[in-house]
Amino acid sequence: MGIPFSCALLHVLLFPLFALAQSDSPIKWGFTVDRIATNETVITFIAGIPEGWHLYSQFIPPDGPYPTRFLYKSDDGYKKVGSTSEKGNLATHYDEIYEMDIRWFTHHVEFSQRITKLQPDTTIEVILEYMACNDQVCVPSRKTFVISL
């Protein structure tokens, strides 16, 4: 078993154990809800990333570190339009452990998802899974948002 596989396996096995440690995450999260039409909304998740830390992109190769993921709970009251986009201070670095280019954000990033509302008084539950790292430690975390449209 090579080092990249061992590290990836370690991330997969340990993530559920550390996911409960939300308060240890240095990332500060918020969101906005912007109505763009009668039944169209854009939800934007905003991450504040402290100096010296980075947050992995959603778009990480399969054998890389744990990417940022947005899990939308199924509901008949809404429909996602497209995929969640990301915009921020993106950097790409070659990682010697994973032997690949890894994309991450520093300082600030916004993740946006367009939603079509299919029923009145719709509430969306979104589970956010992510990993923040600095030069010494990585902190996998999970955060749940309940958003009324």
Foldseek 3Di string as FASTA:
>chain_A
DALLQVVLVVQVVCLVVQQVVAVPDPKDKDWDWADPDPFKIKIKIKIFADPQKKWFDQDFPPSDHDHKDKDKDDDPFKDWDDDKDKDAAKDWDQDPSNRGITIIHHGMMMIMIMMGTDDAFDKIKIKIWIWMDGPPDIRTYIDIDIDTD
